């Protein structure tokens, strides 16, 4: 698409015509013959001599080229441009961090799938969380696993296929047998330190109580609240178990309330799917689309054409002036045969 950046400059098109009407014509002096008795001639004629000049006359070529060159110059000043097809970039408005417990207890076979068969907890988590990632195309997603200590598996990225591949390879105990919930939240806060997204959300899933953290979960939650990181907590497993196998639901509830998040408990795969569907609903898709249209400047074409026309006219006038002023050879004087009787007599053979 073509456009002019300053179309209002076309109002200058009638300016030369207005100047031609309002201003006096341009006069220039030219060489003349000086008469020593010019004063007497003017006095005898009853005229009062005054300084004068000649108003140069335009030729037909000037009447055509001058307006055309002015139109081209004004067109160049209006800055013609060619707008190319718009380029769009989708910028995520949310960074989403998934923190998954991979302690040894995640291998416990007490989760029922939709068919009613018992499956390990980690198998249900892999399937549900992978489906959740597939439904979040507009978010940058990061992945942290924790056991004895937290480990970052994936930084915030839009490569969701990579995140799903990493989730499919998760195994119980690969991060250690214990649960470091507080340290996992602390690592997540550190990963959010370089995030420029306006919304930062962490979803923590665990099936045990905190037994290996150097930072208490409440302290980590306070830091998350200061950094404006919302933490949603999900508890799975048996809350009536003893020792490390018991999931501490009270800590998860306080942690979610402390950061402005939501707390959930999943007893089986169907409940876990419902939890992540709820999280998908309460964190709606939010992204910012940036659009930019590349512009190609075209002012050089009318400007260059105007300069070429003026230059061609000047060269043409210079060549014409040189041709008019070139020296010519004197004409040969030929004797008139009618005025030369002697020549006539010689030609007829006559004589005395």
C-alpha atoms as a PDB file:
ATOM      1  CA  UNK A   1       0.000   0.000   0.000  1.00  0.00           C
ATOM      2  CA  UNK A   2       1.264   3.448  -0.907  1.00  0.00           C
ATOM      3  CA  UNK A   3       0.823   6.497   1.287  1.00  0.00           C
ATOM      4  CA  UNK A   4       2.206   9.981   1.914  1.00  0.00           C
ATOM      5  CA  UNK A   5       3.629  10.791   5.335  1.00  0.00           C
ATOM      6  CA  UNK A   6       2.853  14.512   4.966  1.00  0.00           C
ATOM      7  CA  UNK A   7      -0.054  14.775   2.485  1.00  0.00           C
ATOM      8  CA  UNK A   8      -0.888  18.302   3.668  1.00  0.00           C
ATOM      9  CA  UNK A   9       2.218  19.553   1.832  1.00  0.00           C
ATOM     10  CA  UNK A  10       0.311  19.228  -1.443  1.00  0.00           C
ATOM     11  CA  UNK A  11      -1.320  22.520  -0.429  1.00  0.00           C
ATOM     12  CA  UNK A  12       1.931  24.129  -1.650  1.00  0.00           C
ATOM     13  CA  UNK A  13       1.176  23.222  -5.275  1.00  0.00           C
ATOM     14  CA  UNK A  14      -0.541  26.581  -6.143  1.00  0.00           C
ATOM     15  CA  UNK A  15       2.222  28.608  -4.431  1.00  0.00           C
ATOM     16  CA  UNK A  16       4.144  29.461  -7.662  1.00  0.00           C
ATOM     17  CA  UNK A  17       0.898  30.631  -9.284  1.00  0.00           C
ATOM     18  CA  UNK A  18       0.136  32.894  -6.332  1.00  0.00           C
ATOM     19  CA  UNK A  19       3.654  34.335  -6.424  1.00  0.00           C
ATOM     20  CA  UNK A  20       3.280  34.930 -10.163  1.00  0.00           C
ATOM     21  CA  UNK A  21       0.129  36.944  -9.517  1.00  0.00           C
ATOM     22  CA  UNK A  22       1.299  38.920  -6.491  1.00  0.00           C
ATOM     23  CA  UNK A  23       4.998  39.645  -7.115  1.00  0.00           C
ATOM     24  CA  UNK A  24       6.349  41.900  -9.881  1.00  0.00           C
ATOM     25  CA  UNK A  25       8.032  40.141 -12.793  1.00  0.00           C
ATOM     26  CA  UNK A  26      11.690  39.395 -12.620  1.00  0.00           C
ATOM     27  CA  UNK A  27      13.774  41.850 -14.642  1.00  0.00           C
ATOM     28  CA  UNK A  28      17.352  41.463 -15.730  1.00  0.00           C
ATOM     29  CA  UNK A  29      19.796  43.856 -17.306  1.00  0.00           C
ATOM     30  CA  UNK A  30      21.290  43.152 -20.700  1.00  0.00           C
ATOM     31  CA  UNK A  31      24.125  44.749 -22.719  1.00  0.00           C
ATOM     32  CA  UNK A  32      23.051  47.745 -24.827  1.00  0.00           C
ATOM     33  CA  UNK A  33      24.498  50.346 -27.215  1.00  0.00           C
ATOM     34  CA  UNK A  34      25.505  53.585 -25.513  1.00  0.00           C
ATOM     35  CA  UNK A  35      24.546  56.748 -27.436  1.00  0.00           C
ATOM     36  CA  UNK A  36      26.416  59.899 -26.492  1.00  0.00           C
ATOM     37  CA  UNK A  37      23.493  62.002 -27.702  1.00  0.00           C
ATOM     38  CA  UNK A  38      20.755  59.840 -26.023  1.00  0.00           C
ATOM     39  CA  UNK A  39      19.796  62.682 -23.733  1.00  0.00           C
ATOM     40  CA  UNK A  40      19.178  65.070 -26.643  1.00  0.00           C
ATOM     41  CA  UNK A  41      17.082  62.436 -28.455  1.00  0.00           C
ATOM     42  CA  UNK A  42      14.958  61.774 -25.365  1.00  0.00           C
ATOM     43  CA  UNK A  43      14.530  65.514 -24.756  1.00  0.00           C
ATOM     44  CA  UNK A  44      13.515  66.117 -28.345  1.00  0.00           C
ATOM     45  CA  UNK A  45      10.990  63.301 -28.046  1.00  0.00           C
ATOM     46  CA  UNK A  46       9.657  64.713 -24.772  1.00  0.00           C
ATOM     47  CA  UNK A  47      10.598  61.607 -22.773  1.00  0.00           C
ATOM     48  CA  UNK A  48      12.247  61.275 -19.382  1.00  0.00           C
ATOM     49  CA  UNK A  49      14.805  58.469 -19.433  1.00  0.00           C
ATOM     50  CA  UNK A  50      14.980  56.067 -16.450  1.00  0.00           C
ATOM     51  CA  UNK A  51      16.953  52.957 -15.508  1.00  0.00           C
ATOM     52  CA  UNK A  52      15.282  49.921 -17.077  1.00  0.00           C
ATOM     53  CA  UNK A  53      15.610  46.212 -17.532  1.00  0.00           C
ATOM     54  CA  UNK A  54      14.311  43.444 -19.708  1.00  0.00           C
ATOM     55  CA  UNK A  55      11.626  40.965 -18.582  1.00  0.00           C
ATOM     56  CA  UNK A  56      12.935  37.610 -19.883  1.00  0.00           C
ATOM     57  CA  UNK A  57      10.463  35.651 -21.952  1.00  0.00           C
ATOM     58  CA  UNK A  58       9.881  31.962 -21.353  1.00  0.00           C
ATOM     59  CA  UNK A  59      10.037  29.448 -24.084  1.00  0.00           C
ATOM     60  CA  UNK A  60       7.483  26.657 -24.454  1.00  0.00           C
ATOM     61  CA  UNK A  61       9.743  24.103 -22.863  1.00  0.00           C
ATOM     62  CA  UNK A  62       9.975  26.168 -19.679  1.00  0.00           C
ATOM     63  CA  UNK A  63       6.169  26.428 -19.491  1.00  0.00           C
ATOM     64  CA  UNK A  64       6.009  22.635 -19.426  1.00  0.00           C
ATOM     65  CA  UNK A  65       9.065  21.674 -17.341  1.00  0.00           C
ATOM     66  CA  UNK A  66       8.764  24.278 -14.560  1.00  0.00           C
ATOM     67  CA  UNK A  67       5.297  23.146 -13.318  1.00  0.00           C
ATOM     68  CA  UNK A  68       6.236  19.503 -13.726  1.00  0.00           C
ATOM     69  CA  UNK A  69       9.448  19.919 -11.715  1.00  0.00           C
ATOM     70  CA  UNK A  70       7.541  21.797  -8.970  1.00  0.00           C
ATOM     71  CA  UNK A  71       4.925  19.020  -8.719  1.00  0.00           C
ATOM     72  CA  UNK A  72       7.695  16.417  -8.395  1.00  0.00           C
ATOM     73  CA  UNK A  73       9.486  18.419  -5.674  1.00  0.00           C
ATOM     74  CA  UNK A  74       6.267  18.806  -3.647  1.00  0.00           C
ATOM     75  CA  UNK A  75       5.585  15.093  -4.072  1.00  0.00           C
ATOM     76  CA  UNK A  76       9.044  14.318  -2.684  1.00  0.00           C
ATOM     77  CA  UNK A  77       8.445  16.669   0.259  1.00  0.00           C
ATOM     78  CA  UNK A  78       5.175  14.847   1.024  1.00  0.00           C
ATOM     79  CA  UNK A  79       7.362  11.760   1.620  1.00  0.00           C
ATOM     80  CA  UNK A  80       5.791   8.937  -0.392  1.00  0.00           C
ATOM     81  CA  UNK A  81       6.133   5.521   1.232  1.00  0.00           C
ATOM     82  CA  UNK A  82       5.283   1.932   0.460  1.00  0.00           C
ATOM     83  CA  UNK A  83       3.788   0.039   3.403  1.00  0.00           C
ATOM     84  CA  UNK A  84       4.593  -3.652   3.325  1.00  0.00           C
ATOM     85  CA  UNK A  85       2.478  -6.377   4.894  1.00  0.00           C
ATOM     86  CA  UNK A  86       2.218  -6.025   8.693  1.00  0.00           C
ATOM     87  CA  UNK A  87       4.528  -8.110  10.852  1.00  0.00           C
ATOM     88  CA  UNK A  88       3.007  -9.396  14.069  1.00  0.00           C
ATOM     89  CA  UNK A  89       4.723 -10.673  17.165  1.00  0.00           C
ATOM     90  CA  UNK A  90       2.851 -12.295  20.014  1.00  0.00           C
ATOM     91  CA  UNK A  91       4.405 -11.390  23.340  1.00  0.00           C
ATOM     92  CA  UNK A  92       3.359 -13.524  26.334  1.00  0.00           C
ATOM     93  CA  UNK A  93       1.848 -11.613  29.223  1.00  0.00           C
ATOM     94  CA  UNK A  94       2.371 -14.387  31.779  1.00  0.00           C
ATOM     95  CA  UNK A  95       5.245 -16.570  32.956  1.00  0.00           C
ATOM     96  CA  UNK A  96       4.018 -19.855  34.405  1.00  0.00           C
ATOM     97  CA  UNK A  97       6.276 -22.083  36.502  1.00  0.00           C
ATOM     98  CA  UNK A  98       5.386 -25.709  37.222  1.00  0.00           C
ATOM     99  CA  UNK A  99       7.026 -27.137  40.372  1.00  0.00           C
ATOM    100  CA  UNK A 100       6.539 -30.910  40.662  1.00  0.00           C
ATOM    101  CA  UNK A 101       7.403 -33.156  43.582  1.00  0.00           C
ATOM    102  CA  UNK A 102       9.500 -36.147  42.443  1.00  0.00           C
ATOM    103  CA  UNK A 103      10.238 -37.670  45.807  1.00  0.00           C
ATOM    104  CA  UNK A 104      10.185 -41.464  46.129  1.00  0.00           C
ATOM    105  CA  UNK A 105       6.608 -41.404  47.422  1.00  0.00           C
ATOM    106  CA  UNK A 106       5.396 -40.359  43.959  1.00  0.00           C
ATOM    107  CA  UNK A 107       5.854 -44.003  42.954  1.00  0.00           C
ATOM    108  CA  UNK A 108       3.011 -45.064  45.275  1.00  0.00           C
ATOM    109  CA  UNK A 109       0.298 -46.889  43.325  1.00  0.00           C
ATOM    110  CA  UNK A 110      -2.843 -45.414  44.879  1.00  0.00           C
ATOM    111  CA  UNK A 111      -4.266 -43.226  42.075  1.00  0.00           C
ATOM    112  CA  UNK A 112      -7.169 -44.476  39.993  1.00  0.00           C
ATOM    113  CA  UNK A 113      -7.342 -43.648  36.311  1.00  0.00           C
ATOM    114  CA  UNK A 114     -10.679 -43.074  34.493  1.00  0.00           C
ATOM    115  CA  UNK A 115     -11.049 -46.849  34.027  1.00  0.00           C
ATOM    116  CA  UNK A 116     -10.693 -47.468  37.787  1.00  0.00           C
ATOM    117  CA  UNK A 117      -7.255 -49.142  37.638  1.00  0.00           C
ATOM    118  CA  UNK A 118      -4.642 -48.204  40.200  1.00  0.00           C
ATOM    119  CA  UNK A 119      -1.651 -46.357  38.760  1.00  0.00           C
ATOM    120  CA  UNK A 120       1.379 -44.615  40.316  1.00  0.00           C
ATOM    121  CA  UNK A 121       0.907 -40.991  41.297  1.00  0.00           C
ATOM    122  CA  UNK A 122       3.642 -39.821  38.968  1.00  0.00           C
ATOM    123  CA  UNK A 123       1.924 -41.416  35.974  1.00  0.00           C
ATOM    124  CA  UNK A 124      -1.278 -39.462  36.609  1.00  0.00           C
ATOM    125  CA  UNK A 125       0.721 -36.265  37.173  1.00  0.00           C
ATOM    126  CA  UNK A 126       2.648 -36.683  33.922  1.00  0.00           C
ATOM    127  CA  UNK A 127      -0.512 -37.100  31.870  1.00  0.00           C
ATOM    128  CA  UNK A 128      -2.548 -34.320  33.501  1.00  0.00           C
ATOM    129  CA  UNK A 129       0.247 -31.743  33.611  1.00  0.00           C
ATOM    130  CA  UNK A 130       1.255 -32.452  30.001  1.00  0.00           C
ATOM    131  CA  UNK A 131      -2.346 -31.836  28.895  1.00  0.00           C
ATOM    132  CA  UNK A 132      -2.373 -28.628  30.911  1.00  0.00           C
ATOM    133  CA  UNK A 133       0.763 -27.402  29.124  1.00  0.00           C
ATOM    134  CA  UNK A 134      -0.846 -28.135  25.764  1.00  0.00           C
ATOM    135  CA  UNK A 135      -3.736 -25.818  26.663  1.00  0.00           C
ATOM    136  CA  UNK A 136      -1.448 -22.868  27.443  1.00  0.00           C
ATOM    137  CA  UNK A 137      -0.048 -21.768  24.047  1.00  0.00           C
ATOM    138  CA  UNK A 138       0.272 -18.115  25.026  1.00  0.00           C
ATOM    139  CA  UNK A 139       2.309 -18.563  28.234  1.00  0.00           C
ATOM    140  CA  UNK A 140       6.004 -18.976  28.750  1.00  0.00           C
ATOM    141  CA  UNK A 141       6.309 -22.125  30.858  1.00  0.00           C
ATOM    142  CA  UNK A 142       9.172 -23.197  33.104  1.00  0.00           C
ATOM    143  CA  UNK A 143       9.672 -26.503  34.904  1.00  0.00           C
ATOM    144  CA  UNK A 144      11.185 -27.253  38.322  1.00  0.00           C
ATOM    145  CA  UNK A 145      11.333 -30.648  40.028  1.00  0.00           C
ATOM    146  CA  UNK A 146      12.223 -31.150  43.658  1.00  0.00           C
ATOM    147  CA  UNK A 147      13.066 -33.923  46.064  1.00  0.00           C
ATOM    148  CA  UNK A 148      16.069 -33.617  48.387  1.00  0.00           C
ATOM    149  CA  UNK A 149      16.731 -30.341  46.532  1.00  0.00           C
ATOM    150  CA  UNK A 150      15.060 -28.380  43.724  1.00  0.00           C
ATOM    151  CA  UNK A 151      16.375 -28.609  40.150  1.00  0.00           C
ATOM    152  CA  UNK A 152      15.412 -26.415  37.191  1.00  0.00           C
ATOM    153  CA  UNK A 153      14.625 -28.594  34.169  1.00  0.00           C
ATOM    154  CA  UNK A 154      13.400 -25.917  31.742  1.00  0.00           C
ATOM    155  CA  UNK A 155      13.670 -22.118  31.825  1.00  0.00           C
ATOM    156  CA  UNK A 156      10.693 -20.022  30.808  1.00  0.00           C
ATOM    157  CA  UNK A 157      10.082 -20.894  27.188  1.00  0.00           C
ATOM    158  CA  UNK A 158       7.440 -20.993  24.464  1.00  0.00           C
ATOM    159  CA  UNK A 159       8.771 -24.361  23.316  1.00  0.00           C
ATOM    160  CA  UNK A 160       5.986 -26.293  24.969  1.00  0.00           C
ATOM    161  CA  UNK A 161       6.866 -29.478  23.117  1.00  0.00           C
ATOM    162  CA  UNK A 162      10.197 -29.488  24.950  1.00  0.00           C
ATOM    163  CA  UNK A 163       8.432 -29.031  28.296  1.00  0.00           C
ATOM    164  CA  UNK A 164       6.055 -31.905  27.506  1.00  0.00           C
ATOM    165  CA  UNK A 165       8.996 -34.124  26.556  1.00  0.00           C
ATOM    166  CA  UNK A 166      10.679 -33.378  29.882  1.00  0.00           C
ATOM    167  CA  UNK A 167       7.463 -34.071  31.770  1.00  0.00           C
ATOM    168  CA  UNK A 168       7.075 -37.425  29.999  1.00  0.00           C
ATOM    169  CA  UNK A 169      10.533 -38.437  31.246  1.00  0.00           C
ATOM    170  CA  UNK A 170       9.942 -37.658  34.931  1.00  0.00           C
ATOM    171  CA  UNK A 171      10.635 -40.563  37.301  1.00  0.00           C
ATOM    172  CA  UNK A 172      10.025 -40.860  41.055  1.00  0.00           C
ATOM    173  CA  UNK A 173      13.153 -40.421  43.160  1.00  0.00           C
ATOM    174  CA  UNK A 174      15.185 -38.784  40.384  1.00  0.00           C
ATOM    175  CA  UNK A 175      15.511 -35.695  42.615  1.00  0.00           C
ATOM    176  CA  UNK A 176      15.972 -37.668  45.834  1.00  0.00           C
ATOM    177  CA  UNK A 177      13.653 -39.415  48.296  1.00  0.00           C
ATOM    178  CA  UNK A 178      12.816 -36.402  50.482  1.00  0.00           C
ATOM    179  CA  UNK A 179      10.710 -33.259  49.894  1.00  0.00           C
ATOM    180  CA  UNK A 180      12.233 -29.739  49.803  1.00  0.00           C
ATOM    181  CA  UNK A 181       9.073 -27.691  49.264  1.00  0.00           C
ATOM    182  CA  UNK A 182      10.385 -24.384  50.645  1.00  0.00           C
ATOM    183  CA  UNK A 183      13.595 -24.553  48.619  1.00  0.00           C
ATOM    184  CA  UNK A 184      11.593 -25.323  45.462  1.00  0.00           C
ATOM    185  CA  UNK A 185       9.545 -22.153  45.960  1.00  0.00           C
ATOM    186  CA  UNK A 186      12.758 -20.210  46.613  1.00  0.00           C
ATOM    187  CA  UNK A 187      14.272 -21.505  43.353  1.00  0.00           C
ATOM    188  CA  UNK A 188      11.097 -20.541  41.506  1.00  0.00           C
ATOM    189  CA  UNK A 189      11.287 -16.995  42.899  1.00  0.00           C
ATOM    190  CA  UNK A 190      14.887 -16.800  41.719  1.00  0.00           C
ATOM    191  CA  UNK A 191      13.853 -17.902  38.217  1.00  0.00           C
ATOM    192  CA  UNK A 192      11.206 -15.161  38.186  1.00  0.00           C
ATOM    193  CA  UNK A 193      13.943 -12.611  38.969  1.00  0.00           C
ATOM    194  CA  UNK A 194      14.712 -12.106  35.263  1.00  0.00           C
ATOM    195  CA  UNK A 195      11.082 -12.250  34.152  1.00  0.00           C
ATOM    196  CA  UNK A 196       9.571  -9.125  32.610  1.00  0.00           C
ATOM    197  CA  UNK A 197       6.064 -10.569  32.309  1.00  0.00           C
ATOM    198  CA  UNK A 198       3.366  -8.582  34.132  1.00  0.00           C
ATOM    199  CA  UNK A 199       1.891 -11.821  35.548  1.00  0.00           C
ATOM    200  CA  UNK A 200       3.989 -14.431  37.339  1.00  0.00           C
ATOM    201  CA  UNK A 201       2.313 -17.635  38.500  1.00  0.00           C
ATOM    202  CA  UNK A 202       3.741 -20.747  40.167  1.00  0.00           C
ATOM    203  CA  UNK A 203       1.830 -24.039  40.448  1.00  0.00           C
ATOM    204  CA  UNK A 204       3.301 -26.358  43.080  1.00  0.00           C
ATOM    205  CA  UNK A 205       2.312 -30.023  43.325  1.00  0.00           C
ATOM    206  CA  UNK A 206       3.496 -32.227  46.192  1.00  0.00           C
ATOM    207  CA  UNK A 207       2.484 -35.447  47.952  1.00  0.00           C
ATOM    208  CA  UNK A 208       4.461 -35.092  51.179  1.00  0.00           C
ATOM    209  CA  UNK A 209       5.499 -32.695  53.888  1.00  0.00           C
ATOM    210  CA  UNK A 210       8.598 -30.519  53.857  1.00  0.00           C
ATOM    211  CA  UNK A 211      11.488 -32.547  55.334  1.00  0.00           C
ATOM    212  CA  UNK A 212      14.572 -31.319  53.481  1.00  0.00           C
ATOM    213  CA  UNK A 213      14.274 -27.541  52.960  1.00  0.00           C
ATOM    214  CA  UNK A 214      16.733 -25.045  54.343  1.00  0.00           C
ATOM    215  CA  UNK A 215      14.089 -22.326  53.818  1.00  0.00           C
ATOM    216  CA  UNK A 216      10.727 -22.860  55.546  1.00  0.00           C
ATOM    217  CA  UNK A 217       7.751 -22.759  53.169  1.00  0.00           C
ATOM    218  CA  UNK A 218       6.174 -19.830  55.072  1.00  0.00           C
ATOM    219  CA  UNK A 219       9.335 -17.776  54.620  1.00  0.00           C
ATOM    220  CA  UNK A 220       9.442 -18.630  50.913  1.00  0.00           C
ATOM    221  CA  UNK A 221       5.782 -17.645  50.622  1.00  0.00           C
ATOM    222  CA  UNK A 222       6.495 -14.254  52.174  1.00  0.00           C
ATOM    223  CA  UNK A 223       9.237 -13.582  49.649  1.00  0.00           C
ATOM    224  CA  UNK A 224       6.934 -14.677  46.821  1.00  0.00           C
ATOM    225  CA  UNK A 225       4.293 -12.217  48.014  1.00  0.00           C
ATOM    226  CA  UNK A 226       6.887  -9.403  48.082  1.00  0.00           C
ATOM    227  CA  UNK A 227       7.966 -10.278  44.524  1.00  0.00           C
ATOM    228  CA  UNK A 228       4.296 -10.438  43.388  1.00  0.00           C
ATOM    229  CA  UNK A 229       4.456 -14.127  42.521  1.00  0.00           C
ATOM    230  CA  UNK A 230       1.131 -15.946  42.866  1.00  0.00           C
ATOM    231  CA  UNK A 231       1.523 -19.525  44.153  1.00  0.00           C
ATOM    232  CA  UNK A 232      -1.207 -22.120  43.600  1.00  0.00           C
ATOM    233  CA  UNK A 233      -0.725 -25.303  45.655  1.00  0.00           C
ATOM    234  CA  UNK A 234      -1.942 -28.823  44.903  1.00  0.00           C
ATOM    235  CA  UNK A 235      -1.774 -31.622  47.432  1.00  0.00           C
ATOM    236  CA  UNK A 236      -2.083 -35.273  46.431  1.00  0.00           C
ATOM    237  CA  UNK A 237      -1.544 -38.460  48.364  1.00  0.00           C
ATOM    238  CA  UNK A 238      -2.722 -39.592  51.808  1.00  0.00           C
ATOM    239  CA  UNK A 239      -3.199 -36.850  54.442  1.00  0.00           C
ATOM    240  CA  UNK A 240      -3.662 -39.559  57.105  1.00  0.00           C
ATOM    241  CA  UNK A 241      -0.278 -41.199  56.529  1.00  0.00           C
ATOM    242  CA  UNK A 242       2.609 -40.816  58.947  1.00  0.00           C
ATOM    243  CA  UNK A 243       6.069 -39.291  58.631  1.00  0.00           C
ATOM    244  CA  UNK A 244       7.327 -38.150  55.263  1.00  0.00           C
ATOM    245  CA  UNK A 245       4.440 -39.912  53.479  1.00  0.00           C
ATOM    246  CA  UNK A 246       1.871 -37.535  54.981  1.00  0.00           C
ATOM    247  CA  UNK A 247       0.982 -34.576  52.805  1.00  0.00           C
ATOM    248  CA  UNK A 248       0.893 -31.391  54.899  1.00  0.00           C
ATOM    249  CA  UNK A 249      -2.307 -29.778  53.637  1.00  0.00           C
ATOM    250  CA  UNK A 250      -2.248 -26.980  56.225  1.00  0.00           C
ATOM    251  CA  UNK A 251       1.097 -25.685  54.956  1.00  0.00           C
ATOM    252  CA  UNK A 252      -0.203 -25.752  51.383  1.00  0.00           C
ATOM    253  CA  UNK A 253      -3.352 -23.851  52.394  1.00  0.00           C
ATOM    254  CA  UNK A 254      -1.364 -21.160  54.217  1.00  0.00           C
ATOM    255  CA  UNK A 255       1.101 -20.868  51.370  1.00  0.00           C
ATOM    256  CA  UNK A 256      -1.648 -20.310  48.781  1.00  0.00           C
ATOM    257  CA  UNK A 257      -3.501 -17.797  50.971  1.00  0.00           C
ATOM    258  CA  UNK A 258      -0.266 -15.948  51.715  1.00  0.00           C
ATOM    259  CA  UNK A 259       0.489 -15.310  48.022  1.00  0.00           C
ATOM    260  CA  UNK A 260      -3.052 -14.773  46.724  1.00  0.00           C
ATOM    261  CA  UNK A 261      -3.275 -18.207  45.103  1.00  0.00           C
ATOM    262  CA  UNK A 262      -5.665 -21.150  45.354  1.00  0.00           C
ATOM    263  CA  UNK A 263      -5.314 -24.446  47.229  1.00  0.00           C
ATOM    264  CA  UNK A 264      -6.500 -27.771  45.797  1.00  0.00           C
ATOM    265  CA  UNK A 265      -6.472 -31.410  46.826  1.00  0.00           C
ATOM    266  CA  UNK A 266      -6.558 -34.251  44.323  1.00  0.00           C
ATOM    267  CA  UNK A 267      -7.449 -37.759  45.410  1.00  0.00           C
ATOM    268  CA  UNK A 268      -7.334 -39.397  41.969  1.00  0.00           C
ATOM    269  CA  UNK A 269      -6.597 -38.664  38.333  1.00  0.00           C
ATOM    270  CA  UNK A 270     -10.078 -37.292  37.629  1.00  0.00           C
ATOM    271  CA  UNK A 271      -9.786 -34.847  40.535  1.00  0.00           C
ATOM    272  CA  UNK A 272      -6.334 -33.848  39.327  1.00  0.00           C
ATOM    273  CA  UNK A 273      -7.685 -33.153  35.859  1.00  0.00           C
ATOM    274  CA  UNK A 274     -10.461 -31.053  37.362  1.00  0.00           C
ATOM    275  CA  UNK A 275      -7.898 -29.080  39.375  1.00  0.00           C
ATOM    276  CA  UNK A 276      -5.785 -28.211  36.347  1.00  0.00           C
ATOM    277  CA  UNK A 277      -8.936 -27.373  34.359  1.00  0.00           C
ATOM    278  CA  UNK A 278      -9.845 -24.930  37.130  1.00  0.00           C
ATOM    279  CA  UNK A 279      -6.351 -23.446  37.061  1.00  0.00           C
ATOM    280  CA  UNK A 280      -6.653 -23.075  33.298  1.00  0.00           C
ATOM    281  CA  UNK A 281      -9.913 -21.183  33.804  1.00  0.00           C
ATOM    282  CA  UNK A 282      -8.786 -18.860  36.610  1.00  0.00           C
ATOM    283  CA  UNK A 283      -5.583 -17.964  34.753  1.00  0.00           C
ATOM    284  CA  UNK A 284      -7.125 -17.001  31.378  1.00  0.00           C
ATOM    285  CA  UNK A 285      -5.025 -16.740  28.274  1.00  0.00           C
ATOM    286  CA  UNK A 286      -3.447 -13.314  28.115  1.00  0.00           C
ATOM    287  CA  UNK A 287      -1.011 -12.184  25.478  1.00  0.00           C
ATOM    288  CA  UNK A 288      -0.026  -8.965  23.786  1.00  0.00           C
ATOM    289  CA  UNK A 289       0.181  -8.743  20.007  1.00  0.00           C
ATOM    290  CA  UNK A 290       2.732  -6.299  18.630  1.00  0.00           C
ATOM    291  CA  UNK A 291       2.199  -5.201  15.041  1.00  0.00           C
ATOM    292  CA  UNK A 292       4.634  -3.318  12.833  1.00  0.00           C
ATOM    293  CA  UNK A 293       4.507  -2.446   9.141  1.00  0.00           C
ATOM    294  CA  UNK A 294       7.861  -1.986   7.399  1.00  0.00           C
ATOM    295  CA  UNK A 295       8.061   1.207   5.337  1.00  0.00           C
ATOM    296  CA  UNK A 296      10.113   1.843   2.227  1.00  0.00           C
ATOM    297  CA  UNK A 297      10.883   5.472   1.471  1.00  0.00           C
ATOM    298  CA  UNK A 298      10.196   6.545  -2.133  1.00  0.00           C
ATOM    299  CA  UNK A 299      10.903  10.292  -2.025  1.00  0.00           C
ATOM    300  CA  UNK A 300      14.152   9.869  -3.952  1.00  0.00           C
ATOM    301  CA  UNK A 301      12.291   8.916  -7.153  1.00  0.00           C
ATOM    302  CA  UNK A 302      10.263  12.135  -7.681  1.00  0.00           C
ATOM    303  CA  UNK A 303      13.137  14.241  -6.380  1.00  0.00           C
ATOM    304  CA  UNK A 304      15.639  12.571  -8.692  1.00  0.00           C
ATOM    305  CA  UNK A 305      13.261  12.965 -11.650  1.00  0.00           C
ATOM    306  CA  UNK A 306      12.875  16.694 -10.948  1.00  0.00           C
ATOM    307  CA  UNK A 307      16.649  17.176 -10.770  1.00  0.00           C
ATOM    308  CA  UNK A 308      17.129  15.181 -13.969  1.00  0.00           C
ATOM    309  CA  UNK A 309      14.586  17.355 -15.803  1.00  0.00           C
ATOM    310  CA  UNK A 310      16.241  20.595 -14.655  1.00  0.00           C
ATOM    311  CA  UNK A 311      19.705  19.294 -15.525  1.00  0.00           C
ATOM    312  CA  UNK A 312      18.562  18.103 -18.959  1.00  0.00           C
ATOM    313  CA  UNK A 313      16.977  21.494 -19.684  1.00  0.00           C
ATOM    314  CA  UNK A 314      20.137  23.373 -18.659  1.00  0.00           C
ATOM    315  CA  UNK A 315      22.298  21.142 -20.845  1.00  0.00           C
ATOM    316  CA  UNK A 316      19.898  21.620 -23.738  1.00  0.00           C
ATOM    317  CA  UNK A 317      19.947  25.416 -23.378  1.00  0.00           C
ATOM    318  CA  UNK A 318      23.723  25.433 -23.051  1.00  0.00           C
ATOM    319  CA  UNK A 319      24.071  23.404 -26.244  1.00  0.00           C
ATOM    320  CA  UNK A 320      21.594  25.631 -28.076  1.00  0.00           C
ATOM    321  CA  UNK A 321      23.425  28.808 -26.976  1.00  0.00           C
ATOM    322  CA  UNK A 322      26.733  27.345 -28.091  1.00  0.00           C
ATOM    323  CA  UNK A 323      25.238  26.426 -31.470  1.00  0.00           C
ATOM    324  CA  UNK A 324      23.781  29.920 -32.001  1.00  0.00           C
ATOM    325  CA  UNK A 325      26.999  31.676 -30.982  1.00  0.00           C
ATOM    326  CA  UNK A 326      29.325  29.514 -33.067  1.00  0.00           C
ATOM    327  CA  UNK A 327      31.472  31.466 -35.623  1.00  0.00           C
ATOM    328  CA  UNK A 328      30.285  31.212 -39.236  1.00  0.00           C
ATOM    329  CA  UNK A 329      32.578  31.435 -42.342  1.00  0.00           C
ATOM    330  CA  UNK A 330      32.150  34.609 -44.503  1.00  0.00           C
ATOM    331  CA  UNK A 331      30.100  34.227 -47.648  1.00  0.00           C
ATOM    332  CA  UNK A 332      32.070  34.177 -50.978  1.00  0.00           C
ATOM    333  CA  UNK A 333      31.430  37.144 -53.219  1.00  0.00           C
ATOM    334  CA  UNK A 334      30.301  35.953 -56.637  1.00  0.00           C
ATOM    335  CA  UNK A 335      30.451  38.349 -59.573  1.00  0.00           C
ATOM    336  CA  UNK A 336      27.161  38.905 -61.245  1.00  0.00           C
ATOM    337  CA  UNK A 337      27.402  37.625 -64.792  1.00  0.00           C
ATOM    338  CA  UNK A 338      24.921  40.216 -66.038  1.00  0.00           C
ATOM    339  CA  UNK A 339      27.152  43.029 -64.842  1.00  0.00           C
ATOM    340  CA  UNK A 340      30.339  41.580 -66.469  1.00  0.00           C
ATOM    341  CA  UNK A 341      30.123  42.038 -70.321  1.00  0.00           C
ATOM    342  CA  UNK A 342      33.706  41.016 -70.809  1.00  0.00           C
ATOM    343  CA  UNK A 343      32.981  37.659 -69.288  1.00  0.00           C
ATOM    344  CA  UNK A 344      29.955  37.247 -71.578  1.00  0.00           C
ATOM    345  CA  UNK A 345      32.044  37.991 -74.666  1.00  0.00           C
ATOM    346  CA  UNK A 346      34.657  35.461 -73.614  1.00  0.00           C
ATOM    347  CA  UNK A 347      31.995  32.811 -73.090  1.00  0.00           C
ATOM    348  CA  UNK A 348      30.466  33.303 -76.593  1.00  0.00           C
ATOM    349  CA  UNK A 349      33.794  33.510 -78.358  1.00  0.00           C
ATOM    350  CA  UNK A 350      33.159  37.090 -79.547  1.00  0.00           C
ATOM    351  CA  UNK A 351      35.642  39.902 -79.596  1.00  0.00           C
ATOM    352  CA  UNK A 352      36.675  42.754 -81.642  1.00  0.00           C
END
